[in-house]
Amino acid sequence: MPEYFFDQEYNSYTYGSDEVNFKEFESCTFNNCTFSACSFIDVTFIDCVFNDCIFSQSKINHVALRTVTFYRCEIKEVNFAMCSKLIFEVRFFDCVLDFSKFYTLKIKGTPFINCSLIAVDFMAADLTEVLFENCDLYRAEFAKANANKANFKTSRHYTIDPKTTKLKKAIFSLEGLKGLLYKHDIIVN
């Protein structure tokens, strides 16, 4: 049975590799904490907030993220595809998620606000109604994804092949059209 923590605040703590294993956190706030050394096993976060935390290169296998919000976090090279798929709900504000993976995940309606998403793997993910607001999507991969009704209007550096990605009613700026036409060797001025 997991150890349960409710409505706790954690500040400026660096977690060891198995320190959070077999624990459930509900309505907890983590400020300036580092999880990079963690290899998560059977960990659940429900209605939790992470402020200015570092997750880069942590192994988040077997983690449940249920209504979790990240503010100004560094989350590089993290494989979210290994998280529990049951009620997976996350929000990202001012985060660096470079080289992370959302492969095959259902993240419908997820907001990515002011995030760096360089070389992020969104392949075969359900990105329906996802908001990419002011995000850098350089070399992000969208093949076989469903990005219907996704909003890319204020984001930049994306290249998306409409032949391999569902984009019905997706929103783009006029300036962003070149990211959809790159494969056709069309020049947009």
C-alpha atoms as a PDB file:
ATOM      1  CA  MET A   1       0.000   0.000   0.000  1.00  0.00           C
ATOM      2  CA  PRO A   2       1.495   3.359  -1.030  1.00  0.00           C
ATOM      3  CA  GLU A   3       2.325   5.955   1.596  1.00  0.00           C
ATOM      4  CA  TYR A   4      -0.136   8.875   1.277  1.00  0.00           C
ATOM      5  CA  PHE A   5       0.619  12.618   1.561  1.00  0.00           C
ATOM      6  CA  PHE A   6      -2.111  15.271   1.387  1.00  0.00           C
ATOM      7  CA  ASP A   7      -1.869  19.067   1.094  1.00  0.00           C
ATOM      8  CA  GLN A   8       1.860  19.245   1.832  1.00  0.00           C
ATOM      9  CA  GLU A   9       4.426  21.770   0.590  1.00  0.00           C
ATOM     10  CA  TYR A  10       7.983  20.739  -0.260  1.00  0.00           C
ATOM     11  CA  ASN A  11      10.693  23.361  -0.747  1.00  0.00           C
ATOM     12  CA  SER A  12      14.199  23.249  -2.232  1.00  0.00           C
ATOM     13  CA  TYR A  13      14.725  19.516  -1.843  1.00  0.00           C
ATOM     14  CA  THR A  14      16.760  17.147  -4.014  1.00  0.00           C
ATOM     15  CA  TYR A  15      15.213  13.689  -4.144  1.00  0.00           C
ATOM     16  CA  GLY A  16      17.291  10.510  -4.301  1.00  0.00           C
ATOM     17  CA  SER A  17      16.737   7.754  -6.868  1.00  0.00           C
ATOM     18  CA  ASP A  18      14.034   5.838  -4.971  1.00  0.00           C
ATOM     19  CA  GLU A  19      12.914   8.404  -2.408  1.00  0.00           C
ATOM     20  CA  VAL A  20       9.448   9.009  -3.863  1.00  0.00           C
ATOM     21  CA  ASN A  21       8.709   5.410  -4.839  1.00  0.00           C
ATOM     22  CA  PHE A  22       5.470   3.791  -3.656  1.00  0.00           C
ATOM     23  CA  LYS A  23       4.010   7.146  -2.582  1.00  0.00           C
ATOM     24  CA  GLU A  24       0.861   9.060  -3.448  1.00  0.00           C
ATOM     25  CA  PHE A  25       0.785  12.861  -3.294  1.00  0.00           C
ATOM     26  CA  GLU A  26      -2.523  14.721  -3.449  1.00  0.00           C
ATOM     27  CA  SER A  27      -2.946  18.517  -3.518  1.00  0.00           C
ATOM     28  CA  CYS A  28       0.772  18.950  -2.803  1.00  0.00           C
ATOM     29  CA  THR A  29       3.054  21.746  -3.976  1.00  0.00           C
ATOM     30  CA  PHE A  30       6.724  21.277  -4.851  1.00  0.00           C
ATOM     31  CA  ASN A  31       8.904  24.405  -5.042  1.00  0.00           C
ATOM     32  CA  ASN A  32      12.479  24.394  -6.367  1.00  0.00           C
ATOM     33  CA  CYS A  33      12.777  20.618  -6.007  1.00  0.00           C
ATOM     34  CA  THR A  34      15.041  18.369  -8.070  1.00  0.00           C
ATOM     35  CA  PHE A  35      13.905  14.942  -9.271  1.00  0.00           C
ATOM     36  CA  SER A  36      16.645  14.286 -11.861  1.00  0.00           C
ATOM     37  CA  ALA A  37      18.101  11.276 -10.020  1.00  0.00           C
ATOM     38  CA  CYS A  38      14.694   9.646  -9.543  1.00  0.00           C
ATOM     39  CA  SER A  39      13.640   6.374 -11.078  1.00  0.00           C
ATOM     40  CA  PHE A  40       9.965   6.582 -10.181  1.00  0.00           C
ATOM     41  CA  ILE A  41       8.108   3.351  -9.351  1.00  0.00           C
ATOM     42  CA  ASP A  42       4.413   3.327  -8.468  1.00  0.00           C
ATOM     43  CA  VAL A  43       4.135   7.064  -7.734  1.00  0.00           C
ATOM     44  CA  THR A  44       0.901   9.048  -8.031  1.00  0.00           C
ATOM     45  CA  PHE A  45       0.499  12.829  -8.185  1.00  0.00           C
ATOM     46  CA  ILE A  46      -3.099  14.114  -7.978  1.00  0.00           C
ATOM     47  CA  ASP A  47      -3.917  17.836  -8.197  1.00  0.00           C
ATOM     48  CA  CYS A  48      -0.252  18.694  -7.567  1.00  0.00           C
ATOM     49  CA  VAL A  49       1.726  21.777  -8.609  1.00  0.00           C
ATOM     50  CA  PHE A  50       5.440  21.889  -9.433  1.00  0.00           C
ATOM     51  CA  ASN A  51       7.098  25.323  -9.376  1.00  0.00           C
ATOM     52  CA  ASP A  52      10.667  25.780 -10.673  1.00  0.00           C
ATOM     53  CA  CYS A  53      11.448  22.059 -10.374  1.00  0.00           C
ATOM     54  CA  ILE A  54      13.960  19.972 -12.315  1.00  0.00           C
ATOM     55  CA  PHE A  55      12.981  16.599 -13.767  1.00  0.00           C
ATOM     56  CA  SER A  56      15.565  16.415 -16.539  1.00  0.00           C
ATOM     57  CA  GLN A  57      16.521  12.831 -17.393  1.00  0.00           C
ATOM     58  CA  SER A  58      14.431  11.349 -14.590  1.00  0.00           C
ATOM     59  CA  LYS A  59      12.784   7.999 -15.272  1.00  0.00           C
ATOM     60  CA  ILE A  60       9.068   8.509 -14.778  1.00  0.00           C
ATOM     61  CA  ASN A  61       8.001   4.957 -15.591  1.00  0.00           C
ATOM     62  CA  HIS A  62       4.965   3.879 -13.611  1.00  0.00           C
ATOM     63  CA  VAL A  63       3.965   7.425 -12.590  1.00  0.00           C
ATOM     64  CA  ALA A  64       0.372   8.631 -12.519  1.00  0.00           C
ATOM     65  CA  LEU A  65      -0.021  12.343 -13.330  1.00  0.00           C
ATOM     66  CA  ARG A  66      -3.618  13.334 -12.641  1.00  0.00           C
ATOM     67  CA  THR A  67      -4.354  17.044 -12.988  1.00  0.00           C
ATOM     68  CA  VAL A  68      -0.740  18.102 -12.492  1.00  0.00           C
ATOM     69  CA  THR A  69       0.545  21.588 -13.338  1.00  0.00           C
ATOM     70  CA  PHE A  70       4.161  22.504 -14.048  1.00  0.00           C
ATOM     71  CA  TYR A  71       5.377  26.126 -13.828  1.00  0.00           C
ATOM     72  CA  ARG A  72       8.885  27.107 -14.997  1.00  0.00           C
ATOM     73  CA  CYS A  73      10.150  23.514 -14.759  1.00  0.00           C
ATOM     74  CA  GLU A  74      13.047  21.914 -16.601  1.00  0.00           C
ATOM     75  CA  ILE A  75      11.807  18.587 -17.935  1.00  0.00           C
ATOM     76  CA  LYS A  76      14.366  17.627 -20.589  1.00  0.00           C
ATOM     77  CA  GLU A  77      14.610  14.095 -21.999  1.00  0.00           C
ATOM     78  CA  VAL A  78      11.673  12.736 -19.997  1.00  0.00           C
ATOM     79  CA  ASN A  79       9.557   9.929 -21.436  1.00  0.00           C
ATOM     80  CA  PHE A  80       5.947  10.737 -20.528  1.00  0.00           C
ATOM     81  CA  ALA A  81       4.831   7.839 -22.750  1.00  0.00           C
ATOM     82  CA  MET A  82       5.740   5.481 -19.899  1.00  0.00           C
ATOM     83  CA  CYS A  83       3.313   7.162 -17.466  1.00  0.00           C
ATOM     84  CA  SER A  84       0.036   5.630 -16.398  1.00  0.00           C
ATOM     85  CA  LYS A  85      -2.545   6.344 -19.100  1.00  0.00           C
ATOM     86  CA  LEU A  86      -5.430   6.397 -16.608  1.00  0.00           C
ATOM     87  CA  ILE A  87      -6.603  10.013 -16.139  1.00  0.00           C
ATOM     88  CA  PHE A  88      -3.318  11.420 -17.523  1.00  0.00           C
ATOM     89  CA  GLU A  89      -3.799  15.196 -17.308  1.00  0.00           C
ATOM     90  CA  VAL A  90      -0.980  17.752 -17.296  1.00  0.00           C
ATOM     91  CA  ARG A  91      -0.472  21.479 -17.938  1.00  0.00           C
ATOM     92  CA  PHE A  92       2.796  23.247 -18.728  1.00  0.00           C
ATOM     93  CA  PHE A  93       3.589  26.947 -18.288  1.00  0.00           C
ATOM     94  CA  ASP A  94       7.014  28.448 -19.099  1.00  0.00           C
ATOM     95  CA  CYS A  95       8.666  25.003 -19.104  1.00  0.00           C
ATOM     96  CA  VAL A  96      11.588  23.501 -21.018  1.00  0.00           C
ATOM     97  CA  LEU A  97      10.554  20.070 -22.304  1.00  0.00           C
ATOM     98  CA  ASP A  98      13.237  19.617 -24.970  1.00  0.00           C
ATOM     99  CA  PHE A  99      13.785  16.029 -26.216  1.00  0.00           C
ATOM    100  CA  SER A 100      10.893  14.676 -24.128  1.00  0.00           C
ATOM    101  CA  LYS A 101       8.426  12.076 -25.402  1.00  0.00           C
ATOM    102  CA  PHE A 102       4.631  12.071 -25.515  1.00  0.00           C
ATOM    103  CA  TYR A 103       4.528   9.187 -28.000  1.00  0.00           C
ATOM    104  CA  THR A 104       0.994   7.690 -28.335  1.00  0.00           C
ATOM    105  CA  LEU A 105      -0.347   9.612 -25.320  1.00  0.00           C
ATOM    106  CA  LYS A 106      -3.846  11.092 -25.206  1.00  0.00           C
ATOM    107  CA  ILE A 107      -3.258  14.685 -24.119  1.00  0.00           C
ATOM    108  CA  LYS A 108      -6.429  16.233 -25.521  1.00  0.00           C
ATOM    109  CA  GLY A 109      -6.795  19.897 -24.547  1.00  0.00           C
ATOM    110  CA  THR A 110      -3.410  20.129 -22.823  1.00  0.00           C
ATOM    111  CA  PRO A 111      -2.017  23.685 -22.655  1.00  0.00           C
ATOM    112  CA  PHE A 112       1.649  24.270 -23.446  1.00  0.00           C
ATOM    113  CA  ILE A 113       2.129  27.979 -22.715  1.00  0.00           C
ATOM    114  CA  ASN A 114       5.492  29.692 -23.412  1.00  0.00           C
ATOM    115  CA  CYS A 115       7.309  26.353 -23.556  1.00  0.00           C
ATOM    116  CA  SER A 116      10.415  25.131 -25.320  1.00  0.00           C
ATOM    117  CA  LEU A 117       9.445  21.891 -27.077  1.00  0.00           C
ATOM    118  CA  ILE A 118      12.556  21.354 -29.175  1.00  0.00           C
ATOM    119  CA  ALA A 119      12.717  17.858 -30.712  1.00  0.00           C
ATOM    120  CA  VAL A 120       9.778  16.635 -28.623  1.00  0.00           C
ATOM    121  CA  ASP A 121       8.218  13.378 -29.821  1.00  0.00           C
ATOM    122  CA  PHE A 122       4.457  13.782 -30.326  1.00  0.00           C
ATOM    123  CA  MET A 123       4.275  10.852 -32.767  1.00  0.00           C
ATOM    124  CA  ALA A 124       0.900   9.074 -32.801  1.00  0.00           C
ATOM    125  CA  ALA A 125      -0.307  11.218 -29.874  1.00  0.00           C
ATOM    126  CA  ASP A 126      -3.843  12.555 -29.546  1.00  0.00           C
ATOM    127  CA  LEU A 127      -3.257  16.315 -29.618  1.00  0.00           C
ATOM    128  CA  THR A 128      -6.898  17.232 -30.228  1.00  0.00           C
ATOM    129  CA  GLU A 129      -7.554  20.811 -29.035  1.00  0.00           C
ATOM    130  CA  VAL A 130      -4.044  21.130 -27.571  1.00  0.00           C
ATOM    131  CA  LEU A 131      -2.958  24.747 -27.152  1.00  0.00           C
ATOM    132  CA  PHE A 132       0.613  25.491 -28.204  1.00  0.00           C
ATOM    133  CA  GLU A 133       0.820  29.139 -27.166  1.00  0.00           C
ATOM    134  CA  ASN A 134       4.102  30.903 -27.905  1.00  0.00           C
ATOM    135  CA  CYS A 135       6.051  27.627 -28.043  1.00  0.00           C
ATOM    136  CA  ASP A 136       9.266  26.744 -29.873  1.00  0.00           C
ATOM    137  CA  LEU A 137       8.545  23.485 -31.723  1.00  0.00           C
ATOM    138  CA  TYR A 138      11.830  23.223 -33.625  1.00  0.00           C
ATOM    139  CA  ARG A 139      12.288  19.636 -34.863  1.00  0.00           C
ATOM    140  CA  ALA A 140       9.263  18.385 -32.892  1.00  0.00           C
ATOM    141  CA  GLU A 141       7.851  15.239 -34.510  1.00  0.00           C
ATOM    142  CA  PHE A 142       4.122  14.981 -35.266  1.00  0.00           C
ATOM    143  CA  ALA A 143       3.923  11.968 -37.622  1.00  0.00           C
ATOM    144  CA  LYS A 144       0.694   9.964 -37.208  1.00  0.00           C
ATOM    145  CA  ALA A 145      -0.561  12.391 -34.530  1.00  0.00           C
ATOM    146  CA  ASN A 146      -4.117  13.659 -34.343  1.00  0.00           C
ATOM    147  CA  ALA A 147      -3.811  17.440 -34.057  1.00  0.00           C
ATOM    148  CA  ASN A 148      -7.396  18.245 -35.030  1.00  0.00           C
ATOM    149  CA  LYS A 149      -8.464  21.608 -33.576  1.00  0.00           C
ATOM    150  CA  ALA A 150      -4.981  22.122 -32.074  1.00  0.00           C
ATOM    151  CA  ASN A 151      -3.874  25.742 -31.870  1.00  0.00           C
ATOM    152  CA  PHE A 152      -0.398  26.549 -33.252  1.00  0.00           C
ATOM    153  CA  LYS A 153      -1.206  30.194 -34.052  1.00  0.00           C
ATOM    154  CA  THR A 154       1.419  31.859 -31.853  1.00  0.00           C
ATOM    155  CA  SER A 155       4.041  29.097 -31.969  1.00  0.00           C
ATOM    156  CA  ARG A 156       7.073  28.856 -34.224  1.00  0.00           C
ATOM    157  CA  HIS A 157       9.640  26.619 -35.908  1.00  0.00           C
ATOM    158  CA  TYR A 158       7.276  23.678 -36.397  1.00  0.00           C
ATOM    159  CA  THR A 159       7.323  21.455 -39.448  1.00  0.00           C
ATOM    160  CA  ILE A 160       4.246  19.293 -39.810  1.00  0.00           C
ATOM    161  CA  ASP A 161       3.396  17.064 -42.757  1.00  0.00           C
ATOM    162  CA  PRO A 162      -0.381  17.317 -43.365  1.00  0.00           C
ATOM    163  CA  LYS A 163      -0.191  13.948 -45.159  1.00  0.00           C
ATOM    164  CA  THR A 164       0.889  12.104 -41.991  1.00  0.00           C
ATOM    165  CA  THR A 165      -0.759  14.264 -39.313  1.00  0.00           C
ATOM    166  CA  LYS A 166      -4.474  14.910 -38.829  1.00  0.00           C
ATOM    167  CA  LEU A 167      -4.971  18.688 -38.817  1.00  0.00           C
ATOM    168  CA  LYS A 168      -8.698  19.233 -39.398  1.00  0.00           C
ATOM    169  CA  LYS A 169      -9.677  22.670 -38.030  1.00  0.00           C
ATOM    170  CA  ALA A 170      -6.205  23.180 -36.521  1.00  0.00           C
ATOM    171  CA  ILE A 171      -5.277  26.850 -36.176  1.00  0.00           C
ATOM    172  CA  PHE A 172      -2.123  28.326 -37.711  1.00  0.00           C
ATOM    173  CA  SER A 173      -0.905  31.841 -38.349  1.00  0.00           C
ATOM    174  CA  LEU A 174      -0.225  33.001 -41.888  1.00  0.00           C
ATOM    175  CA  GLU A 175       3.459  33.170 -40.964  1.00  0.00           C
ATOM    176  CA  GLY A 176       3.392  29.539 -39.774  1.00  0.00           C
ATOM    177  CA  LEU A 177       2.155  28.148 -43.084  1.00  0.00           C
ATOM    178  CA  LYS A 178       5.720  27.549 -44.259  1.00  0.00           C
ATOM    179  CA  GLY A 179       5.968  24.872 -41.544  1.00  0.00           C
ATOM    180  CA  LEU A 180       3.164  22.978 -43.298  1.00  0.00           C
ATOM    181  CA  LEU A 181       4.526  23.401 -46.813  1.00  0.00           C
ATOM    182  CA  TYR A 182       8.198  22.543 -46.242  1.00  0.00           C
ATOM    183  CA  LYS A 183       7.906  19.061 -47.811  1.00  0.00           C
ATOM    184  CA  HIS A 184       6.592  20.516 -51.050  1.00  0.00           C
ATOM    185  CA  ASP A 185       9.623  22.782 -51.490  1.00  0.00           C
ATOM    186  CA  ILE A 186       7.334  25.799 -51.691  1.00  0.00           C
ATOM    187  CA  ILE A 187       8.720  29.207 -50.773  1.00  0.00           C
ATOM    188  CA  VAL A 188       6.402  31.429 -48.730  1.00  0.00           C
ATOM    189  CA  ASN A 189       7.370  35.122 -48.455  1.00  0.00           C
END
